[in-house]
Amino acid sequence: MLLTRLQDLRGSSAIMGGATVVLAGVFRQKLPIVTRGTPADQINGCLKIFYLWYIEKFSLTTNMRSHIQGDLSAGQFANKFIQIGDDKALEDPSTGLIIMPCGQIVNSPDELLSTNTRCIF
């Protein structure tokens, strides 16, 4: 659909109407919905498999929020989520639950608010 729309809009029969298209995001979280499809059908329908383009995968290696703020615990927490997404997180053998480190403990709602606000802004 995108292919033909760009061709129509740009008045060109070239692939994507001759436009350079850059797609970004966490593709593991953007699988297509395939009616009555299996997980394999979803993978085959995703953008990475599309015949019109070459995909080059880049991986981010530095958590900039924790790097700039010097917050080691935020970096460890972010890395844990990457491990979960890559299916490499450690699990408790007795429960099958993912093992998460203890988070930061705050003593009051005001302290929680000030900590989170500093991270957001």
N, C-alpha and C. Protein backbone atom coordinates (compact mmCIF):
# COMPACT_ATOMS: atom_id res chain seq x y z
N MET A 1 0.82 -1.19 0.00
CA MET A 1 0.00 0.00 0.00
C MET A 1 0.87 1.26 0.00
N LEU A 2 1.91 1.28 0.85
CA LEU A 2 2.82 2.42 0.89
C LEU A 2 3.51 2.60 -0.46
N LEU A 3 3.89 1.48 -1.07
CA LEU A 3 4.56 1.52 -2.37
C LEU A 3 3.72 2.25 -3.40
N THR A 4 2.46 1.85 -3.55
CA THR A 4 1.62 2.47 -4.57
C THR A 4 1.22 3.90 -4.21
N ARG A 5 1.04 4.18 -2.92
CA ARG A 5 0.69 5.56 -2.52
C ARG A 5 1.83 6.52 -2.87
N LEU A 6 3.06 6.12 -2.56
CA LEU A 6 4.19 7.01 -2.88
C LEU A 6 4.36 7.16 -4.39
N GLN A 7 4.12 6.09 -5.13
CA GLN A 7 4.21 6.20 -6.58
C GLN A 7 3.16 7.18 -7.11
N ASP A 8 1.95 7.10 -6.58
CA ASP A 8 0.88 8.02 -7.00
C ASP A 8 1.20 9.46 -6.61
N LEU A 9 1.60 9.66 -5.36
CA LEU A 9 1.87 11.02 -4.87
C LEU A 9 3.03 11.68 -5.61
N ARG A 10 4.06 10.90 -5.92
CA ARG A 10 5.24 11.48 -6.56
C ARG A 10 5.19 11.40 -8.08
N GLY A 11 4.14 10.74 -8.61
CA GLY A 11 4.01 10.64 -10.07
C GLY A 11 5.15 9.87 -10.71
N SER A 12 5.62 8.84 -10.03
CA SER A 12 6.76 8.07 -10.53
C SER A 12 6.46 6.58 -10.34
N SER A 13 6.88 5.78 -11.31
CA SER A 13 6.69 4.33 -11.20
C SER A 13 7.88 3.65 -10.52
N ALA A 14 8.86 4.43 -10.11
CA ALA A 14 10.02 3.86 -9.41
C ALA A 14 9.58 3.30 -8.06
N ILE A 15 10.38 2.41 -7.51
CA ILE A 15 10.07 1.85 -6.20
C ILE A 15 9.93 2.99 -5.19
N MET A 16 8.85 2.95 -4.42
CA MET A 16 8.51 3.99 -3.44
C MET A 16 8.44 5.37 -4.07
N GLY A 17 8.14 5.42 -5.34
CA GLY A 17 8.04 6.69 -6.04
C GLY A 17 9.36 7.42 -6.13
N GLY A 18 10.46 6.68 -5.94
CA GLY A 18 11.79 7.28 -5.99
C GLY A 18 12.18 7.96 -4.70
N ALA A 19 11.36 7.88 -3.67
CA ALA A 19 11.65 8.53 -2.38
C ALA A 19 12.50 7.61 -1.51
N THR A 20 13.37 8.22 -0.73
CA THR A 20 14.12 7.49 0.28
C THR A 20 13.26 7.38 1.52
N VAL A 21 13.08 6.18 2.02
CA VAL A 21 12.22 5.94 3.18
C VAL A 21 13.08 5.40 4.31
N VAL A 22 13.01 6.06 5.46
CA VAL A 22 13.74 5.61 6.64
C VAL A 22 12.72 5.19 7.69
N LEU A 23 12.83 3.96 8.14
CA LEU A 23 11.94 3.44 9.17
C LEU A 23 12.77 3.18 10.42
N ALA A 24 12.23 3.53 11.56
CA ALA A 24 12.95 3.32 12.81
C ALA A 24 11.98 2.86 13.87
N GLY A 25 12.50 2.20 14.84
CA GLY A 25 11.66 1.75 15.94
C GLY A 25 12.13 0.42 16.48
N VAL A 26 11.42 -0.06 17.43
CA VAL A 26 11.70 -1.36 18.02
C VAL A 26 10.83 -2.36 17.27
N PHE A 27 11.39 -2.97 16.24
CA PHE A 27 10.59 -3.80 15.36
C PHE A 27 10.05 -5.04 16.05
N ARG A 28 10.69 -5.50 17.11
CA ARG A 28 10.17 -6.69 17.80
C ARG A 28 8.84 -6.38 18.46
N GLN A 29 8.50 -5.10 18.59
CA GLN A 29 7.23 -4.72 19.20
C GLN A 29 6.20 -4.31 18.16
N LYS A 30 6.51 -4.47 16.88
CA LYS A 30 5.61 -3.99 15.83
C LYS A 30 5.27 -5.08 14.82
N LEU A 31 4.92 -6.25 15.31
CA LEU A 31 4.53 -7.31 14.38
C LEU A 31 3.15 -7.01 13.82
N PRO A 32 2.93 -7.37 12.57
CA PRO A 32 1.63 -7.09 11.95
C PRO A 32 0.55 -8.03 12.48
N ILE A 33 -0.68 -7.61 12.32
CA ILE A 33 -1.81 -8.45 12.68
C ILE A 33 -2.18 -9.25 11.43
N VAL A 34 -2.10 -10.56 11.54
CA VAL A 34 -2.46 -11.45 10.44
C VAL A 34 -3.68 -12.24 10.90
N THR A 35 -4.82 -12.00 10.26
CA THR A 35 -6.06 -12.67 10.65
C THR A 35 -5.90 -14.18 10.55
N ARG A 36 -6.21 -14.87 11.64
CA ARG A 36 -6.09 -16.32 11.75
C ARG A 36 -4.69 -16.81 11.41
N GLY A 37 -3.69 -15.97 11.64
CA GLY A 37 -2.32 -16.33 11.30
C GLY A 37 -1.56 -16.91 12.48
N THR A 38 -0.53 -17.64 12.17
CA THR A 38 0.35 -18.20 13.18
C THR A 38 1.45 -17.19 13.48
N PRO A 39 2.23 -17.40 14.54
CA PRO A 39 3.38 -16.52 14.77
C PRO A 39 4.32 -16.46 13.56
N ALA A 40 4.48 -17.58 12.87
CA ALA A 40 5.33 -17.59 11.67
C ALA A 40 4.75 -16.68 10.58
N ASP A 41 3.42 -16.65 10.46
CA ASP A 41 2.78 -15.76 9.49
C ASP A 41 3.04 -14.29 9.84
N GLN A 42 3.05 -13.99 11.13
CA GLN A 42 3.33 -12.61 11.55
C GLN A 42 4.76 -12.22 11.19
N ILE A 43 5.71 -13.12 11.43
CA ILE A 43 7.10 -12.83 11.08
C ILE A 43 7.24 -12.63 9.58
N ASN A 44 6.61 -13.50 8.80
CA ASN A 44 6.70 -13.38 7.34
C ASN A 44 6.04 -12.11 6.81
N GLY A 45 5.09 -11.55 7.56
CA GLY A 45 4.41 -10.34 7.12
C GLY A 45 5.06 -9.06 7.63
N CYS A 46 6.12 -9.18 8.38
CA CYS A 46 6.69 -7.96 8.98
C CYS A 46 7.57 -7.20 8.00
N LEU A 47 7.89 -5.99 8.35
CA LEU A 47 8.65 -5.10 7.48
C LEU A 47 10.03 -5.63 7.12
N LYS A 48 10.66 -6.37 8.04
CA LYS A 48 12.01 -6.85 7.79
C LYS A 48 12.06 -7.83 6.62
N ILE A 49 10.96 -8.47 6.30
CA ILE A 49 10.93 -9.49 5.26
C ILE A 49 10.49 -8.91 3.91
N PHE A 50 10.08 -7.66 3.87
CA PHE A 50 9.52 -7.06 2.66
C PHE A 50 10.54 -7.09 1.52
N TYR A 51 10.10 -7.47 0.33
CA TYR A 51 11.00 -7.71 -0.79
C TYR A 51 11.57 -6.44 -1.42
N LEU A 52 11.01 -5.29 -1.11
CA LEU A 52 11.43 -4.07 -1.82
C LEU A 52 12.66 -3.40 -1.25
N TRP A 53 13.05 -3.73 -0.04
CA TRP A 53 14.16 -2.98 0.52
C TRP A 53 15.16 -3.85 1.25
N TYR A 54 16.32 -3.26 1.37
CA TYR A 54 17.42 -3.86 2.10
C TYR A 54 17.38 -3.29 3.51
N ILE A 55 17.46 -4.13 4.50
CA ILE A 55 17.41 -3.69 5.89
C ILE A 55 18.80 -3.80 6.49
N GLU A 56 19.25 -2.74 7.10
CA GLU A 56 20.49 -2.77 7.86
C GLU A 56 20.15 -2.52 9.31
N LYS A 57 20.55 -3.42 10.16
CA LYS A 57 20.19 -3.35 11.57
C LYS A 57 21.31 -2.65 12.35
N PHE A 58 20.91 -1.66 13.13
CA PHE A 58 21.83 -0.97 14.03
C PHE A 58 21.35 -1.22 15.45
N SER A 59 22.26 -1.42 16.35
CA SER A 59 21.90 -1.62 17.75
C SER A 59 22.49 -0.49 18.58
N LEU A 60 21.66 0.07 19.44
CA LEU A 60 22.14 1.10 20.35
C LEU A 60 22.92 0.43 21.46
N THR A 61 24.07 1.00 21.80
CA THR A 61 24.93 0.38 22.81
C THR A 61 25.06 1.19 24.08
N THR A 62 24.62 2.43 24.07
CA THR A 62 24.75 3.29 25.25
C THR A 62 23.39 3.86 25.61
N ASN A 63 23.00 3.67 26.85
CA ASN A 63 21.78 4.29 27.36
C ASN A 63 22.14 5.74 27.70
N MET A 64 21.72 6.67 26.87
CA MET A 64 22.15 8.06 27.02
C MET A 64 21.61 8.70 28.30
N ARG A 65 20.41 8.33 28.73
CA ARG A 65 19.87 8.92 29.95
C ARG A 65 20.77 8.56 31.14
N SER A 66 21.13 7.30 31.28
CA SER A 66 21.97 6.91 32.41
C SER A 66 23.40 7.42 32.23
N HIS A 67 23.87 7.50 30.98
CA HIS A 67 25.22 7.99 30.71
C HIS A 67 25.36 9.47 31.07
N ILE A 68 24.40 10.28 30.65
CA ILE A 68 24.46 11.73 30.91
C ILE A 68 24.27 12.03 32.39
N GLN A 69 23.33 11.33 33.02
CA GLN A 69 23.04 11.60 34.42
C GLN A 69 23.99 10.86 35.36
N GLY A 70 24.79 9.94 34.83
CA GLY A 70 25.68 9.17 35.68
C GLY A 70 24.93 8.23 36.61
N ASP A 71 23.74 7.80 36.20
CA ASP A 71 22.90 6.95 37.04
C ASP A 71 23.10 5.49 36.65
N LEU A 72 23.96 4.80 37.38
CA LEU A 72 24.29 3.42 37.08
C LEU A 72 23.08 2.50 37.20
N SER A 73 22.24 2.73 38.20
CA SER A 73 21.08 1.85 38.40
C SER A 73 20.08 1.97 37.25
N ALA A 74 19.93 3.17 36.68
CA ALA A 74 19.02 3.34 35.53
C ALA A 74 19.54 2.56 34.33
N GLY A 75 20.86 2.56 34.14
CA GLY A 75 21.46 1.79 33.05
C GLY A 75 21.27 0.30 33.23
N GLN A 76 21.43 -0.17 34.45
CA GLN A 76 21.24 -1.60 34.73
C GLN A 76 19.78 -2.00 34.50
N PHE A 77 18.87 -1.12 34.91
CA PHE A 77 17.44 -1.40 34.73
C PHE A 77 17.10 -1.46 33.24
N ALA A 78 17.62 -0.52 32.46
CA ALA A 78 17.36 -0.51 31.02
C ALA A 78 17.95 -1.75 30.35
N ASN A 79 19.14 -2.15 30.78
CA ASN A 79 19.76 -3.35 30.21
C ASN A 79 18.94 -4.60 30.51
N LYS A 80 18.31 -4.63 31.67
CA LYS A 80 17.46 -5.77 32.02
C LYS A 80 16.29 -5.88 31.03
N PHE A 81 15.70 -4.75 30.65
CA PHE A 81 14.60 -4.78 29.68
C PHE A 81 15.08 -5.23 28.30
N ILE A 82 16.30 -4.85 27.94
CA ILE A 82 16.85 -5.31 26.66
C ILE A 82 17.03 -6.83 26.71
N GLN A 83 17.52 -7.34 27.84
CA GLN A 83 17.68 -8.80 27.99
C GLN A 83 16.33 -9.51 27.88
N ILE A 84 15.30 -8.92 28.47
CA ILE A 84 13.96 -9.52 28.39
C ILE A 84 13.50 -9.56 26.93
N GLY A 85 13.69 -8.45 26.20
CA GLY A 85 13.29 -8.41 24.79
C GLY A 85 14.06 -9.38 23.93
N ASP A 86 15.34 -9.62 24.28
CA ASP A 86 16.17 -10.56 23.53
C ASP A 86 16.02 -11.99 24.02
N ASP A 87 15.13 -12.20 24.99
CA ASP A 87 14.88 -13.52 25.59
C ASP A 87 16.14 -14.09 26.22
N LYS A 88 16.92 -13.22 26.88
CA LYS A 88 18.16 -13.63 27.54
C LYS A 88 18.13 -13.35 29.03
N ALA A 89 16.99 -12.97 29.56
CA ALA A 89 16.89 -12.65 30.99
C ALA A 89 16.91 -13.93 31.82
N LEU A 90 17.55 -13.84 32.97
CA LEU A 90 17.61 -14.99 33.88
C LEU A 90 16.24 -15.23 34.51
N GLU A 91 15.88 -16.49 34.62
CA GLU A 91 14.60 -16.86 35.23
C GLU A 91 14.85 -17.66 36.50
N ASP A 92 13.95 -17.51 37.44
CA ASP A 92 13.98 -18.33 38.65
C ASP A 92 13.55 -19.73 38.24
N PRO A 93 14.42 -20.75 38.45
CA PRO A 93 14.08 -22.10 37.98
C PRO A 93 12.84 -22.69 38.65
N SER A 94 12.55 -22.27 39.88
CA SER A 94 11.40 -22.86 40.57
C SER A 94 10.07 -22.26 40.14
N THR A 95 10.09 -20.98 39.71
CA THR A 95 8.83 -20.32 39.34
C THR A 95 8.73 -20.00 37.85
N GLY A 96 9.88 -19.91 37.17
CA GLY A 96 9.88 -19.51 35.77
C GLY A 96 9.73 -18.01 35.58
N LEU A 97 9.74 -17.25 36.70
CA LEU A 97 9.61 -15.80 36.62
C LEU A 97 10.97 -15.16 36.37
N ILE A 98 10.97 -14.02 35.70
CA ILE A 98 12.20 -13.30 35.42
C ILE A 98 12.71 -12.66 36.70
N ILE A 99 14.00 -12.80 36.94
CA ILE A 99 14.63 -12.25 38.14
C ILE A 99 14.95 -10.78 37.88
N MET A 100 14.38 -9.90 38.70
CA MET A 100 14.61 -8.46 38.58
C MET A 100 15.34 -7.98 39.83
N PRO A 101 16.31 -7.08 39.65
CA PRO A 101 16.98 -6.53 40.82
C PRO A 101 16.04 -5.59 41.58
N CYS A 102 16.35 -5.41 42.84
CA CYS A 102 15.55 -4.48 43.65
C CYS A 102 15.68 -3.08 43.05
N GLY A 103 14.61 -2.36 43.03
CA GLY A 103 14.63 -0.99 42.51
C GLY A 103 15.10 0.00 43.56
N GLN A 104 15.06 1.23 43.21
CA GLN A 104 15.45 2.29 44.13
C GLN A 104 14.33 2.48 45.15
N ILE A 105 14.70 2.55 46.41
CA ILE A 105 13.72 2.72 47.47
C ILE A 105 13.68 4.19 47.87
N VAL A 106 12.49 4.75 47.94
CA VAL A 106 12.33 6.14 48.37
C VAL A 106 11.52 6.15 49.66
N ASN A 107 11.70 7.22 50.42
CA ASN A 107 11.08 7.29 51.74
C ASN A 107 9.75 8.03 51.77
N SER A 108 9.42 8.73 50.69
CA SER A 108 8.19 9.51 50.69
C SER A 108 7.69 9.72 49.27
N PRO A 109 6.41 10.04 49.11
CA PRO A 109 5.89 10.35 47.77
C PRO A 109 6.60 11.56 47.14
N ASP A 110 6.98 12.54 47.97
CA ASP A 110 7.68 13.71 47.43
C ASP A 110 9.03 13.33 46.84
N GLU A 111 9.73 12.44 47.53
CA GLU A 111 11.03 11.98 47.03
C GLU A 111 10.86 11.20 45.72
N LEU A 112 9.82 10.39 45.64
CA LEU A 112 9.53 9.65 44.41
C LEU A 112 9.24 10.61 43.26
N LEU A 113 8.44 11.63 43.53
CA LEU A 113 8.10 12.61 42.51
C LEU A 113 9.33 13.36 42.03
N SER A 114 10.18 13.79 42.96
CA SER A 114 11.37 14.55 42.56
C SER A 114 12.35 13.68 41.78
N THR A 115 12.48 12.41 42.14
CA THR A 115 13.37 11.50 41.42
C THR A 115 12.87 11.27 40.00
N ASN A 116 11.59 10.99 39.84
CA ASN A 116 11.04 10.73 38.51
C ASN A 116 11.00 11.98 37.65
N THR A 117 10.72 13.12 38.24
CA THR A 117 10.68 14.37 37.49
C THR A 117 12.06 14.70 36.95
N ARG A 118 13.11 14.45 37.72
CA ARG A 118 14.47 14.73 37.28
C ARG A 118 14.80 13.87 36.05
N CYS A 119 14.32 12.63 36.02
CA CYS A 119 14.59 11.74 34.88
C CYS A 119 13.83 12.16 33.63
N ILE A 120 12.63 12.69 33.82
CA ILE A 120 11.79 13.06 32.68
C ILE A 120 12.25 14.36 32.05
N PHE A 121 12.56 15.34 32.87
CA PHE A 121 12.93 16.65 32.34
C PHE A 121 14.39 16.75 32.29
